[in-house]
């Protein structure tokens, strides 16, 4: 029964996006920076989600800054595995054919940050404006930013 409810909810949400009734709110710094990274700096961008890849694509199609999927090279979802398992990141790295030290993983979640670091990726924890910083003893130094404007690439 639970999966039936989730499937119905997903169809309702997809329908709302398809009909133009829903819009994903994206902070301006996010939209401007990913456009700069992709268009001006030719940085390859990928969307990684805990959920359904199709849902992520739909959310990014109808944002208050337009279709951000136009900037995303590829999407990865739950079918790759949990973002708390190193093997998931290894699969993503193999798929994009990049060495881990050349990949920056941005996340709000500390456990995902730690796992990405364990896969030798560069990671940054995004701390939302209204979110308190999640502080735990991870034995891993944590790099945190409140805005994508704080990130600089060479």
Foldseek 3Di string as FASTA:
>chain_A
DVVVVVVVVLVVVLVCLVVVNDAAEDDPLVVVVLCCCCPVVVDAAEAEEAADQVVVQSRQCGYPNHRCVVSHPYYHYCVLPGLLALSSVVVVCVVVVDQQCVDEAEEQDPSSQLSSVVNVHHYAHAAEPPHDRDDDPPVDDHHYDPGPVPDDDD
